Amino acid sequence: KNGGKHLNEIAGTGCDGVGIDWTVELG
């Protein structure tokens, strides 16, 4: 939650999906 500042790092873990909250734009 409130992780929009760390998207590249989260995606780099090898996880399959990244959940986002409403404070970032999906696009």
PDB file of all heavy atoms in Angstrom:
ATOM      1  N   LYS A   1       0.853  -1.189   0.000  1.00  0.00           N
ATOM      2  CA  LYS A   1       0.000   0.000   0.000  1.00  0.00           C
ATOM      3  C   LYS A   1       0.892   1.243   0.000  1.00  0.00           C
ATOM      4  O   LYS A   1       1.887   1.298   0.732  1.00  0.00           O
ATOM      5  CB  LYS A   1      -0.903  -0.013   1.237  1.00  0.00           C
ATOM      6  CG  LYS A   1      -2.015   1.012   1.158  1.00  0.00           C
ATOM      7  CD  LYS A   1      -2.894   0.920   2.386  1.00  0.00           C
ATOM      8  CE  LYS A   1      -3.892   2.075   2.382  1.00  0.00           C
ATOM      9  NZ  LYS A   1      -4.341   2.386   3.738  1.00  0.00           N
ATOM     10  N   ASN A   2       0.547   2.217  -0.847  1.00  0.00           N
ATOM     11  CA  ASN A   2       1.386   3.416  -1.051  1.00  0.00           C
ATOM     12  C   ASN A   2       2.770   3.047  -1.573  1.00  0.00           C
ATOM     13  O   ASN A   2       3.747   3.728  -1.286  1.00  0.00           O
ATOM     14  CB  ASN A   2       1.507   4.244   0.238  1.00  0.00           C
ATOM     15  CG  ASN A   2       0.186   4.851   0.655  1.00  0.00           C
ATOM     16  OD1 ASN A   2      -0.575   5.301  -0.194  1.00  0.00           O
ATOM     17  ND2 ASN A   2      -0.111   4.828   1.939  1.00  0.00           N
ATOM     18  N   GLY A   3       2.848   1.973  -2.352  1.00  0.00           N
ATOM     19  CA  GLY A   3       4.133   1.521  -2.887  1.00  0.00           C
ATOM     20  C   GLY A   3       4.433   2.033  -4.287  1.00  0.00           C
ATOM     21  O   GLY A   3       5.358   1.543  -4.938  1.00  0.00           O
ATOM     22  N   GLY A   4       3.663   3.026  -4.752  1.00  0.00           N
ATOM     23  CA  GLY A   4       3.834   3.518  -6.118  1.00  0.00           C
ATOM     24  C   GLY A   4       5.205   4.082  -6.414  1.00  0.00           C
ATOM     25  O   GLY A   4       5.611   4.178  -7.581  1.00  0.00           O
ATOM     26  N   LYS A   5       5.948   4.442  -5.367  1.00  0.00           N
ATOM     27  CA  LYS A   5       7.304   5.007  -5.546  1.00  0.00           C
ATOM     28  C   LYS A   5       8.333   3.913  -5.816  1.00  0.00           C
ATOM     29  O   LYS A   5       9.465   4.198  -6.150  1.00  0.00           O
ATOM     30  CB  LYS A   5       7.730   5.767  -4.270  1.00  0.00           C
ATOM     31  CG  LYS A   5       6.724   6.779  -3.770  1.00  0.00           C
ATOM     32  CD  LYS A   5       7.131   7.388  -2.431  1.00  0.00           C
ATOM     33  CE  LYS A   5       6.914   6.475  -1.249  1.00  0.00           C
ATOM     34  NZ  LYS A   5       5.513   6.204  -0.908  1.00  0.00           N
ATOM     35  N   HIS A   6       7.932   2.661  -5.636  1.00  0.00           N
ATOM     36  CA  HIS A   6       8.916   1.565  -5.679  1.00  0.00           C
ATOM     37  C   HIS A   6       8.588   0.515  -6.745  1.00  0.00           C
ATOM     38  O   HIS A   6       9.000  -0.634  -6.639  1.00  0.00           O
ATOM     39  CB  HIS A   6       8.971   0.860  -4.310  1.00  0.00           C
ATOM     40  CG  HIS A   6       8.951   1.780  -3.131  1.00  0.00           C
ATOM     41  ND1 HIS A   6       9.912   2.745  -2.913  1.00  0.00           N
ATOM     42  CD2 HIS A   6       8.071   1.884  -2.095  1.00  0.00           C
ATOM     43  CE1 HIS A   6       9.622   3.402  -1.788  1.00  0.00           C
ATOM     44  NE2 HIS A   6       8.514   2.903  -1.286  1.00  0.00           N
ATOM     45  N   LEU A   7       7.822   0.888  -7.755  1.00  0.00           N
ATOM     46  CA  LEU A   7       7.278  -0.099  -8.698  1.00  0.00           C
ATOM     47  C   LEU A   7       8.362  -0.905  -9.408  1.00  0.00           C
ATOM     48  O   LEU A   7       8.248  -2.120  -9.548  1.00  0.00           O
ATOM     49  CB  LEU A   7       6.382   0.596  -9.725  1.00  0.00           C
ATOM     50  CG  LEU A   7       5.086   1.185  -9.155  1.00  0.00           C
ATOM     51  CD1 LEU A   7       4.400   2.065 -10.192  1.00  0.00           C
ATOM     52  CD2 LEU A   7       4.148   0.080  -8.691  1.00  0.00           C
ATOM     53  N   ASN A   8       9.404  -0.219  -9.881  1.00  0.00           N
ATOM     54  CA  ASN A   8      10.454  -0.946 -10.615  1.00  0.00           C
ATOM     55  C   ASN A   8      11.129  -1.982  -9.727  1.00  0.00           C
ATOM     56  O   ASN A   8      11.418  -3.105 -10.163  1.00  0.00           O
ATOM     57  CB  ASN A   8      11.501   0.030 -11.171  1.00  0.00           C
ATOM     58  CG  ASN A   8      10.948   0.822 -12.340  1.00  0.00           C
ATOM     59  OD1 ASN A   8      10.249   0.276 -13.184  1.00  0.00           O
ATOM     60  ND2 ASN A   8      11.250   2.108 -12.388  1.00  0.00           N
ATOM     61  N   GLU A   9      11.383  -1.598  -8.491  1.00  0.00           N
ATOM     62  CA  GLU A   9      12.051  -2.514  -7.559  1.00  0.00           C
ATOM     63  C   GLU A   9      11.149  -3.700  -7.207  1.00  0.00           C
ATOM     64  O   GLU A   9      11.607  -4.835  -7.118  1.00  0.00           O
ATOM     65  CB  GLU A   9      12.467  -1.775  -6.284  1.00  0.00           C
ATOM     66  CG  GLU A   9      13.578  -0.760  -6.495  1.00  0.00           C
ATOM     67  CD  GLU A   9      13.103   0.616  -6.938  1.00  0.00           C
ATOM     68  OE1 GLU A   9      11.897   0.792  -7.207  1.00  0.00           O
ATOM     69  OE2 GLU A   9      13.945   1.526  -7.018  1.00  0.00           O
ATOM     70  N   ILE A  10       9.829  -3.435  -7.019  1.00  0.00           N
ATOM     71  CA  ILE A  10       8.903  -4.530  -6.705  1.00  0.00           C
ATOM     72  C   ILE A  10       8.833  -5.498  -7.891  1.00  0.00           C
ATOM     73  O   ILE A  10       8.916  -6.718  -7.720  1.00  0.00           O
ATOM     74  CB  ILE A  10       7.492  -3.994  -6.362  1.00  0.00           C
ATOM     75  CG1 ILE A  10       7.538  -3.091  -5.123  1.00  0.00           C
ATOM     76  CG2 ILE A  10       6.522  -5.151  -6.108  1.00  0.00           C
ATOM     77  CD1 ILE A  10       6.254  -2.312  -4.865  1.00  0.00           C
ATOM     78  N   ALA A  11       8.702  -4.944  -9.105  1.00  0.00           N
ATOM     79  CA  ALA A  11       8.608  -5.782 -10.303  1.00  0.00           C
ATOM     80  C   ALA A  11       9.882  -6.595 -10.514  1.00  0.00           C
ATOM     81  O   ALA A  11       9.845  -7.674 -11.105  1.00  0.00           O
ATOM     82  CB  ALA A  11       8.321  -4.917 -11.528  1.00  0.00           C
ATOM     83  N   GLY A  12      11.006  -6.083  -9.994  1.00  0.00           N
ATOM     84  CA  GLY A  12      12.290  -6.762 -10.166  1.00  0.00           C
ATOM     85  C   GLY A  12      12.522  -7.937  -9.237  1.00  0.00           C
ATOM     86  O   GLY A  12      13.561  -8.602  -9.322  1.00  0.00           O
ATOM     87  N   THR A  13      11.556  -8.229  -8.354  1.00  0.00           N
ATOM     88  CA  THR A  13      11.751  -9.335  -7.396  1.00  0.00           C
ATOM     89  C   THR A  13      11.554 -10.706  -8.036  1.00  0.00           C
ATOM     90  O   THR A  13      11.890 -11.718  -7.435  1.00  0.00           O
ATOM     91  CB  THR A  13      10.746  -9.234  -6.225  1.00  0.00           C
ATOM     92  OG1 THR A  13       9.415  -9.257  -6.775  1.00  0.00           O
ATOM     93  CG2 THR A  13      10.962  -7.979  -5.396  1.00  0.00           C
ATOM     94  N   GLY A  14      10.944 -10.729  -9.228  1.00  0.00           N
ATOM     95  CA  GLY A  14      10.587 -12.021  -9.810  1.00  0.00           C
ATOM     96  C   GLY A  14       9.166 -12.439  -9.477  1.00  0.00           C
ATOM     97  O   GLY A  14       8.746 -13.553  -9.795  1.00  0.00           O
ATOM     98  N   CYS A  15       8.397 -11.523  -8.848  1.00  0.00           N
ATOM     99  CA  CYS A  15       6.982 -11.813  -8.612  1.00  0.00           C
ATOM    100  C   CYS A  15       6.254 -11.810  -9.961  1.00  0.00           C
ATOM    101  O   CYS A  15       6.781 -11.308 -10.964  1.00  0.00           O
ATOM    102  CB  CYS A  15       6.368 -10.789  -7.661  1.00  0.00           C
ATOM    103  SG  CYS A  15       6.301  -9.102  -8.323  1.00  0.00           S
ATOM    104  N   ASP A  16       5.050 -12.345  -9.987  1.00  0.00           N
ATOM    105  CA  ASP A  16       4.265 -12.400 -11.228  1.00  0.00           C
ATOM    106  C   ASP A  16       3.325 -11.215 -11.361  1.00  0.00           C
ATOM    107  O   ASP A  16       3.005 -10.797 -12.474  1.00  0.00           O
ATOM    108  CB  ASP A  16       3.442 -13.694 -11.249  1.00  0.00           C
ATOM    109  CG  ASP A  16       4.334 -14.914 -11.171  1.00  0.00           C
ATOM    110  OD1 ASP A  16       4.850 -15.334 -12.208  1.00  0.00           O
ATOM    111  OD2 ASP A  16       4.544 -15.423 -10.040  1.00  0.00           O
ATOM    112  N   GLY A  17       2.859 -10.698 -10.225  1.00  0.00           N
ATOM    113  CA  GLY A  17       1.917  -9.584 -10.245  1.00  0.00           C
ATOM    114  C   GLY A  17       2.290  -8.543  -9.213  1.00  0.00           C
ATOM    115  O   GLY A  17       2.881  -8.865  -8.175  1.00  0.00           O
ATOM    116  N   VAL A  18       1.948  -7.282  -9.514  1.00  0.00           N
ATOM    117  CA  VAL A  18       2.152  -6.187  -8.568  1.00  0.00           C
ATOM    118  C   VAL A  18       0.799  -5.531  -8.321  1.00  0.00           C
ATOM    119  O   VAL A  18       0.129  -5.083  -9.262  1.00  0.00           O
ATOM    120  CB  VAL A  18       3.162  -5.147  -9.118  1.00  0.00           C
ATOM    121  CG1 VAL A  18       3.246  -3.937  -8.180  1.00  0.00           C
ATOM    122  CG2 VAL A  18       4.540  -5.779  -9.282  1.00  0.00           C
ATOM    123  N   GLY A  19       0.372  -5.516  -7.056  1.00  0.00           N
ATOM    124  CA  GLY A  19      -0.867  -4.840  -6.690  1.00  0.00           C
ATOM    125  C   GLY A  19      -0.601  -3.363  -6.483  1.00  0.00           C
ATOM    126  O   GLY A  19       0.420  -2.984  -5.907  1.00  0.00           O
ATOM    127  N   ILE A  20      -1.520  -2.516  -6.992  1.00  0.00           N
ATOM    128  CA  ILE A  20      -1.343  -1.066  -6.829  1.00  0.00           C
ATOM    129  C   ILE A  20      -2.583  -0.473  -6.167  1.00  0.00           C
ATOM    130  O   ILE A  20      -3.693  -0.986  -6.329  1.00  0.00           O
ATOM    131  CB  ILE A  20      -1.060  -0.363  -8.176  1.00  0.00           C
ATOM    132  CG1 ILE A  20      -2.176  -0.645  -9.201  1.00  0.00           C
ATOM    133  CG2 ILE A  20       0.293  -0.799  -8.730  1.00  0.00           C
ATOM    134  CD1 ILE A  20      -2.079   0.184 -10.476  1.00  0.00           C
ATOM    135  N   ASP A  21      -2.378   0.607  -5.412  1.00  0.00           N
ATOM    136  CA  ASP A  21      -3.520   1.295  -4.821  1.00  0.00           C
ATOM    137  C   ASP A  21      -4.003   2.388  -5.788  1.00  0.00           C
ATOM    138  O   ASP A  21      -3.516   2.503  -6.910  1.00  0.00           O
ATOM    139  CB  ASP A  21      -3.187   1.817  -3.419  1.00  0.00           C
ATOM    140  CG  ASP A  21      -2.099   2.875  -3.421  1.00  0.00           C
ATOM    141  OD1 ASP A  21      -1.890   3.534  -4.460  1.00  0.00           O
ATOM    142  OD2 ASP A  21      -1.441   3.054  -2.371  1.00  0.00           O
ATOM    143  N   TRP A  22      -4.952   3.195  -5.334  1.00  0.00           N
ATOM    144  CA  TRP A  22      -5.615   4.157  -6.222  1.00  0.00           C
ATOM    145  C   TRP A  22      -4.866   5.488  -6.315  1.00  0.00           C
ATOM    146  O   TRP A  22      -5.319   6.405  -6.992  1.00  0.00           O
ATOM    147  CB  TRP A  22      -7.052   4.384  -5.759  1.00  0.00           C
ATOM    148  CG  TRP A  22      -7.138   5.074  -4.419  1.00  0.00           C
ATOM    149  CD1 TRP A  22      -7.352   6.400  -4.198  1.00  0.00           C
ATOM    150  CD2 TRP A  22      -6.999   4.474  -3.126  1.00  0.00           C
ATOM    151  NE1 TRP A  22      -7.357   6.666  -2.847  1.00  0.00           N
ATOM    152  CE2 TRP A  22      -7.141   5.494  -2.168  1.00  0.00           C
ATOM    153  CE3 TRP A  22      -6.764   3.163  -2.684  1.00  0.00           C
ATOM    154  CZ2 TRP A  22      -7.062   5.253  -0.793  1.00  0.00           C
ATOM    155  CZ3 TRP A  22      -6.689   2.936  -1.323  1.00  0.00           C
ATOM    156  CH2 TRP A  22      -6.830   3.951  -0.397  1.00  0.00           C
ATOM    157  N   THR A  23      -3.713   5.605  -5.651  1.00  0.00           N
ATOM    158  CA  THR A  23      -2.967   6.874  -5.677  1.00  0.00           C
ATOM    159  C   THR A  23      -2.037   6.966  -6.880  1.00  0.00           C
ATOM    160  O   THR A  23      -1.351   7.967  -7.049  1.00  0.00           O
ATOM    161  CB  THR A  23      -2.145   7.049  -4.382  1.00  0.00           C
ATOM    162  OG1 THR A  23      -1.190   5.984  -4.296  1.00  0.00           O
ATOM    163  CG2 THR A  23      -3.046   7.024  -3.160  1.00  0.00           C
ATOM    164  N   VAL A  24      -1.989   5.908  -7.705  1.00  0.00           N
ATOM    165  CA  VAL A  24      -1.207   5.939  -8.951  1.00  0.00           C
ATOM    166  C   VAL A  24      -2.150   5.673 -10.124  1.00  0.00           C
ATOM    167  O   VAL A  24      -3.209   5.089  -9.947  1.00  0.00           O
ATOM    168  CB  VAL A  24      -0.069   4.882  -8.933  1.00  0.00           C
ATOM    169  CG1 VAL A  24       1.047   5.301  -7.998  1.00  0.00           C
ATOM    170  CG2 VAL A  24      -0.593   3.503  -8.533  1.00  0.00           C
ATOM    171  N   GLU A  25      -1.749   6.127 -11.303  1.00  0.00           N
ATOM    172  CA  GLU A  25      -2.549   5.895 -12.513  1.00  0.00           C
ATOM    173  C   GLU A  25      -2.175   4.544 -13.111  1.00  0.00           C
ATOM    174  O   GLU A  25      -0.992   4.273 -13.342  1.00  0.00           O
ATOM    175  CB  GLU A  25      -2.278   7.004 -13.538  1.00  0.00           C
ATOM    176  CG  GLU A  25      -2.894   8.340 -13.181  1.00  0.00           C
ATOM    177  CD  GLU A  25      -4.410   8.340 -13.371  1.00  0.00           C
ATOM    178  OE1 GLU A  25      -4.882   8.034 -14.478  1.00  0.00           O
ATOM    179  OE2 GLU A  25      -5.120   8.632 -12.396  1.00  0.00           O
ATOM    180  N   LEU A  26      -3.187   3.729 -13.374  1.00  0.00           N
ATOM    181  CA  LEU A  26      -2.939   2.398 -13.926  1.00  0.00           C
ATOM    182  C   LEU A  26      -2.128   2.471 -15.223  1.00  0.00           C
ATOM    183  O   LEU A  26      -1.204   1.683 -15.437  1.00  0.00           O
ATOM    184  CB  LEU A  26      -4.272   1.685 -14.166  1.00  0.00           C
ATOM    185  CG  LEU A  26      -4.215   0.294 -14.799  1.00  0.00           C
ATOM    186  CD1 LEU A  26      -3.400  -0.682 -13.959  1.00  0.00           C
ATOM    187  CD2 LEU A  26      -5.617  -0.258 -15.021  1.00  0.00           C
ATOM    188  N   GLY A  27      -2.446   3.426 -16.087  1.00  0.00           N
ATOM    189  CA  GLY A  27      -1.726   3.563 -17.359  1.00  0.00           C
ATOM    190  C   GLY A  27      -0.246   3.852 -17.156  1.00  0.00           C
ATOM    191  O   GLY A  27       0.616   3.302 -17.855  1.00  0.00           O
TER     192      GLY A  27
END
